[in-house]
Amino acid sequence: MDNLSNELQERISSLVNQKIIQQKDVLCVDDIAAMFCVSKDTAYDYIAGIRAVSDTLGMAGKVHRQDYEYWLKMRIGKSYNNKDERRGK
């Protein structure tokens, strides 16, 4: 039972962090790490991927929320495109 309550607390904390972060204009490595529940090293990789698509700020270790949202749309579009290719469309 303790394990379940700890998992529930972690999930709730993660959701609260995501909601707070979504209200920010600039996301730093700690924000990205909290959003995706990953290490800082992995978060830096995510930031590099986001900046490769769009880099409004030009600041190391930080991305603008709009750049993140654009990157997310690009990733979602790629997965849909891959599914269409498999179906022969």
Protein backbone atom coordinates (compact mmCIF):
# COMPACT_ATOMS: atom_id res chain seq x y z
CA MET A 1 0.00 0.00 0.00
CA ASP A 2 2.87 2.36 0.78
CA ASN A 3 4.32 1.77 -2.68
CA LEU A 4 1.01 2.68 -4.31
CA SER A 5 0.64 5.88 -2.30
CA ASN A 6 4.22 6.90 -3.16
CA GLU A 7 3.55 6.30 -6.85
CA LEU A 8 0.33 8.31 -6.61
CA GLN A 9 2.11 11.19 -4.86
CA GLU A 10 4.84 11.20 -7.51
CA ARG A 11 2.26 11.23 -10.32
CA ILE A 12 0.29 14.06 -8.71
CA SER A 13 3.49 16.03 -8.16
CA SER A 14 4.45 15.48 -11.79
CA LEU A 15 1.06 16.71 -13.02
CA VAL A 16 1.24 19.81 -10.81
CA ASN A 17 4.76 20.54 -12.11
CA GLN A 18 3.58 20.18 -15.70
CA LYS A 19 0.70 22.61 -15.11
CA ILE A 20 3.00 25.18 -13.52
CA ILE A 21 5.56 24.78 -16.29
CA GLN A 22 2.95 25.18 -19.01
CA GLN A 23 2.29 28.69 -17.71
CA LYS A 24 5.93 29.75 -18.19
CA ASP A 25 7.24 31.43 -21.33
CA VAL A 26 10.83 30.22 -20.95
CA LEU A 27 11.60 26.60 -20.07
CA CYS A 28 14.94 25.65 -18.53
CA VAL A 29 16.55 22.23 -18.21
CA ASP A 30 14.95 21.65 -14.80
CA ASP A 31 11.51 22.38 -16.25
CA ILE A 32 12.02 19.97 -19.14
CA ALA A 33 13.37 17.30 -16.75
CA ALA A 34 10.28 17.68 -14.55
CA MET A 35 7.87 17.65 -17.50
CA PHE A 36 9.21 14.40 -18.92
CA CYS A 37 10.37 12.84 -15.62
CA VAL A 38 13.90 12.41 -16.98
CA SER A 39 17.42 13.25 -15.83
CA LYS A 40 19.05 16.60 -16.57
CA ASP A 41 21.31 14.95 -19.14
CA THR A 42 18.29 13.66 -21.03
CA ALA A 43 16.57 17.04 -20.64
CA TYR A 44 19.57 18.70 -22.32
CA ASP A 45 19.13 16.26 -25.21
CA TYR A 46 15.46 17.28 -25.47
CA ILE A 47 16.46 20.95 -25.45
CA ALA A 48 18.97 20.31 -28.23
CA GLY A 49 16.21 18.64 -30.25
CA ILE A 50 13.84 21.55 -29.65
CA ARG A 51 16.48 24.11 -30.58
CA ALA A 52 17.27 22.18 -33.77
CA VAL A 53 13.68 22.81 -34.89
CA SER A 54 13.26 26.38 -33.60
CA ASP A 55 15.43 28.60 -31.39
CA THR A 56 13.74 31.90 -30.60
CA LEU A 57 15.86 32.70 -27.53
CA GLY A 58 19.31 31.59 -28.64
CA MET A 59 20.19 30.87 -24.99
CA ALA A 60 21.99 27.72 -23.91
CA GLY A 61 19.93 25.44 -21.69
CA LYS A 62 16.66 27.31 -22.27
CA VAL A 63 13.88 27.24 -24.83
CA HIS A 64 10.82 29.36 -25.42
CA ARG A 65 7.48 27.67 -24.82
CA GLN A 66 6.45 28.38 -28.43
CA ASP A 67 9.58 26.58 -29.68
CA TYR A 68 8.66 23.61 -27.45
CA GLU A 69 5.08 23.58 -28.75
CA TYR A 70 6.29 23.75 -32.37
CA TRP A 71 8.75 20.89 -31.73
CA LEU A 72 5.95 18.87 -30.16
CA LYS A 73 3.70 19.42 -33.19
CA MET A 74 6.55 18.37 -35.48
CA ARG A 75 7.07 15.16 -33.49
CA ILE A 76 3.36 14.35 -33.51
CA GLY A 77 3.22 15.02 -37.25
CA LYS A 78 6.15 12.69 -37.88
CA SER A 79 4.49 9.82 -36.05
CA TYR A 80 1.28 10.33 -38.04
CA ASN A 81 3.23 10.51 -41.30
CA ASN A 82 5.02 7.26 -40.48
CA LYS A 83 1.69 5.51 -39.87
CA ASP A 84 0.36 6.80 -43.19
CA GLU A 85 3.46 5.51 -45.00
CA ARG A 86 2.95 2.04 -43.52
CA ARG A 87 -0.65 2.05 -44.73
CA GLY A 88 0.46 2.96 -48.23
CA LYS A 89 -1.08 6.43 -48.28
